[in-house]
Amino acid sequence: MTKFKVNLLPPEVLKLKRRNRLFSAMRIGLAVLWIITVVFTGWLYYQYRSEERIVIEKEGLVSALRRQLQKENPVELFKEAEAFIKRVKSFTSSLLPAYEFFIYLSSNLPEGVRIEKVESGKDGRNLRITGAASSPEALADLIDVLKRSEVVQELSIPKLEGEKNGITPFNFTCRLKEWW
């Protein structure tokens, strides 16, 4: 036979038991929700406090920068820096390529070539080179050396003035690259 459980309690008692179970479940649920609320509130407070510290540090940095910018005029600083860079450019733009050119030429001057005169143009980038070569091959070596240089932009065709005692006088123009 089937197991049948007979409930001999009156229906009011059964209703009370159900109500008590529901009330107990509600109390447990409310206690759990209260614990979750306390934990979540504590986590939010911790996040707020840690972010507040970061915000305070950033606000201090921004206010320090603001005070610094109020002391100095950035537009004037920029204009002064720009003027300084222009002065440096104008001073060094003609010196550095020629300096590098002379260092390169002095270490790579082929045998049989003598440089007699180097004249600079108005802009400092054009150099007129006058000299003498012991042979056309020596002059060709000089041209090759100058073409391999990193500071030389272009060379003119050498003008030969006629051979005297086996020595060929020459002159040509050498344009240097800009440094800036």
Protein backbone atom coordinates (compact mmCIF):
# COMPACT_ATOMS: atom_id res chain seq x y z
CA MET A 1 0.00 0.00 0.00
CA THR A 2 0.94 3.56 -0.34
CA LYS A 3 2.23 5.40 2.55
CA PHE A 4 -0.26 7.87 3.57
CA LYS A 5 0.49 10.35 6.27
CA VAL A 6 -2.45 11.47 8.20
CA ASN A 7 -2.35 14.98 9.55
CA LEU A 8 -4.36 15.24 12.64
CA LEU A 9 -3.63 18.93 13.27
CA PRO A 10 -6.42 21.39 12.84
CA PRO A 11 -6.20 23.63 9.72
CA GLU A 12 -5.49 26.75 11.79
CA VAL A 13 -2.35 25.20 13.19
CA LEU A 14 -1.22 24.21 9.71
CA LYS A 15 -1.76 27.79 8.56
CA LEU A 16 0.26 29.05 11.51
CA LYS A 17 3.09 26.65 10.74
CA ARG A 18 3.17 27.79 7.14
CA ARG A 19 3.09 31.41 8.23
CA ASN A 20 5.92 30.79 10.70
CA ARG A 21 8.02 29.12 7.98
CA LEU A 22 7.33 32.01 5.60
CA PHE A 23 8.14 34.51 8.34
CA SER A 24 11.40 32.66 9.17
CA ALA A 25 12.35 32.58 5.47
CA MET A 26 11.66 36.31 5.24
CA ARG A 27 13.77 37.00 8.34
CA ILE A 28 16.65 34.92 6.93
CA GLY A 29 16.31 36.68 3.54
CA LEU A 30 16.28 40.10 5.20
CA ALA A 31 19.33 39.20 7.30
CA VAL A 32 21.19 38.03 4.17
CA LEU A 33 20.18 41.19 2.29
CA TRP A 34 21.28 43.31 5.25
CA ILE A 35 24.71 41.58 5.25
CA ILE A 36 25.03 42.05 1.46
CA THR A 37 24.06 45.73 1.84
CA VAL A 38 26.64 46.27 4.58
CA VAL A 39 29.38 44.54 2.53
CA PHE A 40 28.47 46.45 -0.65
CA THR A 41 28.34 49.75 1.24
CA GLY A 42 31.75 49.03 2.75
CA TRP A 43 33.16 48.23 -0.70
CA LEU A 44 31.69 51.46 -2.14
CA TYR A 45 33.12 53.47 0.75
CA TYR A 46 36.56 51.88 0.22
CA GLN A 47 36.40 52.66 -3.52
CA TYR A 48 35.34 56.23 -2.79
CA ARG A 49 38.17 56.73 -0.29
CA SER A 50 40.82 55.30 -2.63
CA GLU A 51 39.54 57.34 -5.59
CA GLU A 52 39.31 60.41 -3.38
CA ARG A 53 43.01 60.12 -2.56
CA ILE A 54 43.88 59.89 -6.27
CA VAL A 55 41.61 62.84 -7.08
CA ILE A 56 43.20 64.92 -4.32
CA GLU A 57 46.69 64.16 -5.68
CA LYS A 58 45.62 65.06 -9.23
CA GLU A 59 43.94 68.26 -8.06
CA GLY A 60 47.15 69.20 -6.24
CA LEU A 61 49.17 68.60 -9.40
CA VAL A 62 46.75 70.62 -11.53
CA SER A 63 46.74 73.51 -9.08
CA ALA A 64 50.55 73.48 -8.93
CA LEU A 65 50.69 73.57 -12.73
CA ARG A 66 48.11 76.36 -12.80
CA ARG A 67 50.16 78.40 -10.31
CA GLN A 68 53.31 77.80 -12.39
CA LEU A 69 51.56 78.88 -15.60
CA GLN A 70 50.20 81.98 -13.89
CA LYS A 71 53.75 82.93 -12.87
CA GLU A 72 55.08 82.45 -16.40
CA ASN A 73 53.48 83.52 -19.64
CA PRO A 74 53.59 80.48 -21.96
CA VAL A 75 53.19 82.61 -25.10
CA GLU A 76 56.24 84.68 -24.18
CA LEU A 77 58.19 81.54 -23.32
CA PHE A 78 57.29 80.04 -26.68
CA LYS A 79 58.30 83.22 -28.53
CA GLU A 80 61.61 83.35 -26.65
CA ALA A 81 62.32 79.69 -27.41
CA GLU A 82 61.42 80.19 -31.07
CA ALA A 83 63.73 83.22 -31.32
CA PHE A 84 66.55 81.27 -29.65
CA ILE A 85 66.13 78.38 -32.10
CA LYS A 86 66.17 80.83 -35.04
CA ARG A 87 69.40 82.39 -33.72
CA VAL A 88 71.00 78.96 -33.32
CA LYS A 89 69.87 77.96 -36.81
CA SER A 90 71.18 81.14 -38.40
CA PHE A 91 74.49 80.84 -36.58
CA THR A 92 75.09 77.16 -37.20
CA SER A 93 73.37 76.58 -40.54
CA SER A 94 76.38 77.78 -42.50
CA LEU A 95 79.06 76.56 -40.10
CA LEU A 96 78.25 72.92 -39.45
CA PRO A 97 78.00 71.62 -43.04
CA ALA A 98 81.23 73.41 -43.98
CA TYR A 99 82.94 72.10 -40.85
CA GLU A 100 81.84 68.54 -41.60
CA PHE A 101 82.87 69.03 -45.23
CA PHE A 102 86.41 70.09 -44.29
CA ILE A 103 86.80 67.20 -41.85
CA TYR A 104 85.66 64.75 -44.51
CA LEU A 105 87.81 66.32 -47.23
CA SER A 106 90.94 66.45 -45.06
CA SER A 107 90.67 62.75 -44.22
CA ASN A 108 89.79 61.63 -47.77
CA LEU A 109 91.84 63.96 -50.01
CA PRO A 110 93.32 61.82 -52.82
CA GLU A 111 97.03 61.84 -53.58
CA GLY A 112 98.10 64.26 -56.26
CA VAL A 113 95.43 66.85 -55.42
CA ARG A 114 96.20 70.17 -53.78
CA ILE A 115 93.43 72.49 -52.61
CA GLU A 116 94.62 76.09 -52.87
CA LYS A 117 91.53 78.10 -52.03
CA VAL A 118 88.02 77.56 -50.69
CA GLU A 119 85.61 80.49 -50.86
CA SER A 120 82.18 80.50 -49.27
CA GLY A 121 79.09 82.02 -50.88
CA LYS A 122 76.70 84.39 -49.16
CA ASP A 123 74.50 81.61 -47.80
CA GLY A 124 77.44 79.46 -46.67
CA ARG A 125 76.17 76.45 -48.62
CA ASN A 126 78.05 77.14 -51.87
CA LEU A 127 81.79 76.61 -51.75
CA ARG A 128 84.08 77.54 -54.64
CA ILE A 129 87.08 75.23 -54.59
CA THR A 130 90.27 76.09 -56.45
CA GLY A 131 93.27 73.79 -56.64
CA ALA A 132 95.59 71.73 -58.78
CA ALA A 133 95.73 68.04 -59.67
CA SER A 134 98.82 66.12 -60.77
CA SER A 135 96.74 64.12 -63.27
CA PRO A 136 93.20 63.86 -64.60
CA GLU A 137 92.83 60.61 -62.62
CA ALA A 138 93.61 62.45 -59.37
CA LEU A 139 90.96 65.07 -60.21
CA ALA A 140 88.47 62.27 -61.00
CA ASP A 141 89.30 60.68 -57.62
CA LEU A 142 88.60 64.02 -55.89
CA ILE A 143 85.22 64.29 -57.64
CA ASP A 144 84.37 60.70 -56.60
CA VAL A 145 85.36 61.42 -53.00
CA LEU A 146 83.16 64.53 -52.92
CA LYS A 147 80.19 62.70 -54.47
CA ARG A 148 80.38 60.04 -51.73
CA SER A 149 80.25 62.69 -49.01
CA GLU A 150 77.02 62.92 -47.01
CA VAL A 151 77.22 66.72 -46.72
CA VAL A 152 77.61 67.47 -50.43
CA GLN A 153 74.34 68.05 -52.26
CA GLU A 154 75.71 68.70 -55.77
CA LEU A 155 78.91 69.47 -57.63
CA SER A 156 79.44 71.61 -60.72
CA ILE A 157 81.53 70.40 -63.61
CA PRO A 158 85.18 71.29 -62.92
CA LYS A 159 86.67 74.05 -65.06
CA LEU A 160 90.17 73.20 -66.19
CA GLU A 161 92.51 76.15 -66.83
CA GLY A 162 95.08 74.32 -68.91
CA GLU A 163 97.94 72.08 -68.00
CA LYS A 164 101.20 73.63 -66.76
CA ASN A 165 104.23 71.37 -66.13
CA GLY A 166 102.03 68.28 -65.80
CA ILE A 167 99.78 69.94 -63.21
CA THR A 168 96.15 70.69 -64.09
CA PRO A 169 94.61 73.71 -62.30
CA PHE A 170 90.86 73.38 -61.63
CA ASN A 171 87.98 75.11 -59.96
CA PHE A 172 84.39 74.07 -59.33
CA THR A 173 81.46 74.84 -57.10
CA CYS A 174 80.27 72.49 -54.40
CA ARG A 175 76.79 72.93 -52.86
CA LEU A 176 76.43 71.61 -49.31
CA LYS A 177 73.25 70.17 -47.81
CA GLU A 178 71.37 72.17 -45.20
CA TRP A 179 71.95 71.16 -41.65
CA TRP A 180 68.50 72.21 -40.44
